[in-house]
């Protein structure tokens, strides 16, 4: 199912692991329509707020900021939840 949450989760998790192999990624089943990302317990992305999924580059940047001790900001850019060609 190309438009489901699982493929998107796997894609983002893979991109994060490629950039930061030592990072710990945890997945939990959320409410209907929810796709949220927390870094060190802080919510940085919510599909319910943004209407789509985060871009890999924005997530990687948020992780970089966290690792450098910089303040985290919410990711506000989002890609559409599904693209049908």
N, C-alpha and C. Protein backbone atom coordinates (compact mmCIF):
# COMPACT_ATOMS: atom_id res chain seq x y z
N UNK A 1 0.85 -1.18 0.00
CA UNK A 1 0.00 0.00 0.00
C UNK A 1 0.89 1.25 0.00
N UNK A 2 1.09 1.87 -1.15
CA UNK A 2 2.02 2.98 -1.27
C UNK A 2 1.60 4.24 -0.51
N UNK A 3 0.32 4.37 -0.19
CA UNK A 3 -0.17 5.58 0.49
C UNK A 3 -0.32 5.39 1.99
N UNK A 4 0.03 4.23 2.50
CA UNK A 4 -0.14 3.96 3.93
C UNK A 4 0.94 4.59 4.78
N UNK A 5 0.74 4.55 6.08
CA UNK A 5 1.70 5.14 7.01
C UNK A 5 2.95 4.29 7.14
N UNK A 6 2.81 2.96 7.05
CA UNK A 6 3.96 2.07 7.25
C UNK A 6 5.07 2.31 6.22
N UNK A 7 4.75 2.41 4.91
CA UNK A 7 5.82 2.69 3.95
C UNK A 7 6.52 4.03 4.23
N UNK A 8 5.76 5.02 4.63
CA UNK A 8 6.34 6.33 4.93
C UNK A 8 7.23 6.24 6.16
N UNK A 9 6.77 5.54 7.19
CA UNK A 9 7.58 5.34 8.39
C UNK A 9 8.89 4.64 8.02
N UNK A 10 8.80 3.57 7.24
CA UNK A 10 10.00 2.81 6.86
C UNK A 10 10.97 3.68 6.06
N UNK A 11 10.44 4.49 5.16
CA UNK A 11 11.26 5.38 4.33
C UNK A 11 12.00 6.40 5.21
N UNK A 12 11.28 7.03 6.12
CA UNK A 12 11.90 8.02 7.01
C UNK A 12 12.90 7.37 7.96
N UNK A 13 12.53 6.22 8.53
CA UNK A 13 13.43 5.52 9.45
C UNK A 13 14.71 5.11 8.74
N UNK A 14 14.59 4.65 7.51
CA UNK A 14 15.76 4.24 6.73
C UNK A 14 16.67 5.44 6.46
N UNK A 15 16.09 6.58 6.10
CA UNK A 15 16.88 7.78 5.83
C UNK A 15 17.60 8.25 7.09
N UNK A 16 16.92 8.19 8.22
CA UNK A 16 17.52 8.60 9.49
C UNK A 16 18.67 7.66 9.86
N UNK A 17 18.44 6.35 9.73
CA UNK A 17 19.48 5.36 10.07
C UNK A 17 20.70 5.49 9.15
N UNK A 18 20.46 5.86 7.90
CA UNK A 18 21.57 6.04 6.97
C UNK A 18 22.45 7.21 7.42
N UNK A 19 21.82 8.27 7.87
CA UNK A 19 22.54 9.46 8.31
C UNK A 19 23.11 9.30 9.73
N UNK A 20 22.35 8.66 10.60
CA UNK A 20 22.72 8.48 12.00
C UNK A 20 22.52 7.02 12.41
N UNK A 21 23.49 6.14 12.08
CA UNK A 21 23.33 4.70 12.33
C UNK A 21 23.11 4.34 13.80
N UNK A 22 23.58 5.18 14.72
CA UNK A 22 23.48 4.84 16.14
C UNK A 22 22.18 5.33 16.79
N UNK A 23 21.32 5.96 16.03
CA UNK A 23 20.10 6.54 16.61
C UNK A 23 19.08 5.45 16.93
N UNK A 24 18.32 5.66 17.99
CA UNK A 24 17.27 4.72 18.38
C UNK A 24 15.93 5.23 17.85
N UNK A 25 15.23 4.39 17.10
CA UNK A 25 13.94 4.76 16.53
C UNK A 25 12.89 3.84 17.12
N UNK A 26 11.81 4.43 17.58
CA UNK A 26 10.73 3.66 18.19
C UNK A 26 9.43 3.99 17.47
N UNK A 27 8.65 2.96 17.21
CA UNK A 27 7.36 3.13 16.53
C UNK A 27 6.24 2.72 17.47
N UNK A 28 5.21 3.56 17.53
CA UNK A 28 4.01 3.23 18.32
C UNK A 28 2.79 3.50 17.46
N UNK A 29 1.81 2.66 17.60
CA UNK A 29 0.56 2.85 16.87
C UNK A 29 -0.20 4.00 17.51
N UNK A 30 -0.57 4.98 16.69
CA UNK A 30 -1.28 6.15 17.21
C UNK A 30 -2.75 6.12 16.82
N UNK A 31 -3.39 7.24 17.03
CA UNK A 31 -4.80 7.36 16.68
C UNK A 31 -4.99 7.45 15.18
N UNK A 32 -6.22 7.37 14.76
CA UNK A 32 -6.55 7.42 13.34
C UNK A 32 -6.05 8.72 12.72
N UNK A 33 -5.28 8.59 11.66
CA UNK A 33 -4.77 9.76 10.95
C UNK A 33 -3.56 10.41 11.58
N UNK A 34 -3.11 9.90 12.72
CA UNK A 34 -1.97 10.50 13.41
C UNK A 34 -0.66 9.93 12.89
N UNK A 35 0.30 10.79 12.67
CA UNK A 35 1.67 10.41 12.34
C UNK A 35 2.52 11.49 12.98
N UNK A 36 3.08 11.19 14.13
CA UNK A 36 3.83 12.18 14.89
C UNK A 36 5.26 11.73 15.09
N UNK A 37 6.14 12.71 15.16
CA UNK A 37 7.55 12.43 15.39
C UNK A 37 8.00 13.24 16.60
N UNK A 38 8.61 12.54 17.53
CA UNK A 38 9.18 13.18 18.71
C UNK A 38 10.69 12.95 18.69
N UNK A 39 11.41 13.95 19.14
CA UNK A 39 12.85 13.83 19.32
C UNK A 39 13.11 14.14 20.79
N UNK A 40 13.68 13.17 21.49
CA UNK A 40 13.95 13.32 22.92
C UNK A 40 12.69 13.75 23.68
N UNK A 41 11.56 13.17 23.30
CA UNK A 41 10.31 13.44 24.00
C UNK A 41 9.58 14.71 23.58
N UNK A 42 10.16 15.46 22.66
CA UNK A 42 9.53 16.71 22.21
C UNK A 42 8.90 16.50 20.84
N UNK A 43 7.62 16.85 20.72
CA UNK A 43 6.92 16.72 19.45
C UNK A 43 7.49 17.71 18.44
N UNK A 44 8.00 17.19 17.32
CA UNK A 44 8.54 18.07 16.28
C UNK A 44 7.74 18.02 15.00
N UNK A 45 6.87 17.02 14.86
CA UNK A 45 6.04 16.94 13.66
C UNK A 45 4.73 16.23 13.98
N UNK A 46 3.64 16.76 13.44
CA UNK A 46 2.33 16.14 13.57
C UNK A 46 1.60 16.22 12.24
N UNK A 47 1.24 15.06 11.70
CA UNK A 47 0.48 15.02 10.45
C UNK A 47 -0.89 15.67 10.63
N UNK A 48 -1.47 15.53 11.81
CA UNK A 48 -2.78 16.13 12.07
C UNK A 48 -2.70 17.65 11.98
N UNK A 49 -1.56 18.23 12.35
CA UNK A 49 -1.39 19.68 12.27
C UNK A 49 -1.00 20.13 10.87
N UNK A 50 -0.20 19.32 10.18
CA UNK A 50 0.37 19.73 8.90
C UNK A 50 -0.33 19.16 7.67
N UNK A 51 -1.10 18.11 7.84
CA UNK A 51 -1.85 17.55 6.72
C UNK A 51 -1.06 16.67 5.77
N UNK A 52 0.17 16.37 6.08
CA UNK A 52 0.98 15.52 5.21
C UNK A 52 2.07 14.85 6.03
N UNK A 53 3.12 14.45 5.36
CA UNK A 53 4.25 13.80 6.02
C UNK A 53 5.48 14.70 5.91
N UNK A 54 6.44 14.55 6.84
CA UNK A 54 7.63 15.41 6.77
C UNK A 54 8.55 15.00 5.63
N UNK A 55 9.32 15.96 5.18
CA UNK A 55 10.38 15.68 4.22
C UNK A 55 11.57 15.12 4.98
N UNK A 56 12.27 14.18 4.35
CA UNK A 56 13.44 13.55 4.99
C UNK A 56 14.45 14.59 5.43
N UNK A 57 14.74 15.56 4.56
CA UNK A 57 15.77 16.56 4.87
C UNK A 57 15.42 17.37 6.11
N UNK A 58 14.13 17.66 6.30
CA UNK A 58 13.71 18.43 7.47
C UNK A 58 13.87 17.61 8.76
N UNK A 59 13.57 16.33 8.67
CA UNK A 59 13.72 15.45 9.83
C UNK A 59 15.20 15.28 10.19
N UNK A 60 16.03 15.08 9.18
CA UNK A 60 17.48 14.94 9.40
C UNK A 60 18.03 16.21 10.05
N UNK A 61 17.57 17.37 9.58
CA UNK A 61 18.02 18.65 10.14
C UNK A 61 17.58 18.79 11.60
N UNK A 62 16.36 18.38 11.92
CA UNK A 62 15.87 18.46 13.30
C UNK A 62 16.72 17.57 14.21
N UNK A 63 17.09 16.39 13.73
CA UNK A 63 17.93 15.49 14.52
C UNK A 63 19.32 16.09 14.70
N UNK A 64 19.85 16.69 13.65
CA UNK A 64 21.16 17.34 13.74
C UNK A 64 21.14 18.43 14.81
N UNK A 65 20.08 19.23 14.80
CA UNK A 65 19.95 20.31 15.80
C UNK A 65 19.92 19.72 17.22
N UNK A 66 19.15 18.66 17.40
CA UNK A 66 19.05 18.04 18.72
C UNK A 66 20.41 17.51 19.18
N UNK A 67 21.12 16.90 18.28
CA UNK A 67 22.43 16.34 18.62
C UNK A 67 23.44 17.42 18.97
N UNK A 68 23.26 18.60 18.37
CA UNK A 68 24.17 19.71 18.64
C UNK A 68 23.73 20.55 19.84
N UNK A 69 22.65 20.11 20.49
CA UNK A 69 22.17 20.84 21.66
C UNK A 69 21.42 22.12 21.32
N UNK A 70 21.06 22.27 20.05
CA UNK A 70 20.31 23.46 19.63
C UNK A 70 18.83 23.27 19.95
N UNK A 71 18.10 24.37 20.11
CA UNK A 71 16.66 24.24 20.39
C UNK A 71 15.92 23.60 19.22
N UNK A 72 14.97 22.74 19.55
CA UNK A 72 14.17 22.09 18.51
C UNK A 72 13.01 22.99 18.12
N UNK A 73 12.71 22.99 16.84
CA UNK A 73 11.56 23.72 16.33
C UNK A 73 10.67 22.73 15.61
N UNK A 74 9.38 23.00 15.60
CA UNK A 74 8.46 22.11 14.89
C UNK A 74 8.72 22.17 13.40
N UNK A 75 8.63 21.02 12.77
CA UNK A 75 8.73 20.92 11.31
C UNK A 75 7.38 21.33 10.76
N UNK A 76 7.36 22.36 9.92
CA UNK A 76 6.09 22.85 9.39
C UNK A 76 5.89 22.52 7.92
N UNK A 77 6.97 22.20 7.21
CA UNK A 77 6.83 21.78 5.81
C UNK A 77 6.31 20.36 5.78
N UNK A 78 5.44 20.07 4.82
CA UNK A 78 4.98 18.69 4.68
C UNK A 78 4.68 18.39 3.23
N UNK A 79 4.88 17.12 2.90
CA UNK A 79 4.55 16.66 1.55
C UNK A 79 3.17 16.03 1.59
N UNK A 80 2.48 15.98 0.47
CA UNK A 80 1.14 15.40 0.46
C UNK A 80 1.16 13.97 0.97
N UNK A 81 0.09 13.55 1.63
CA UNK A 81 0.05 12.19 2.17
C UNK A 81 0.06 11.12 1.09
N UNK A 82 -0.37 11.43 -0.11
CA UNK A 82 -0.40 10.43 -1.17
C UNK A 82 -0.35 11.11 -2.52
N UNK A 83 0.44 10.56 -3.42
CA UNK A 83 0.49 11.08 -4.78
C UNK A 83 0.13 9.94 -5.72
N UNK A 84 -0.89 10.16 -6.50
CA UNK A 84 -1.32 9.14 -7.47
C UNK A 84 -0.96 9.66 -8.85
N UNK A 85 -0.13 8.88 -9.54
CA UNK A 85 0.32 9.29 -10.87
C UNK A 85 -0.55 8.70 -11.95
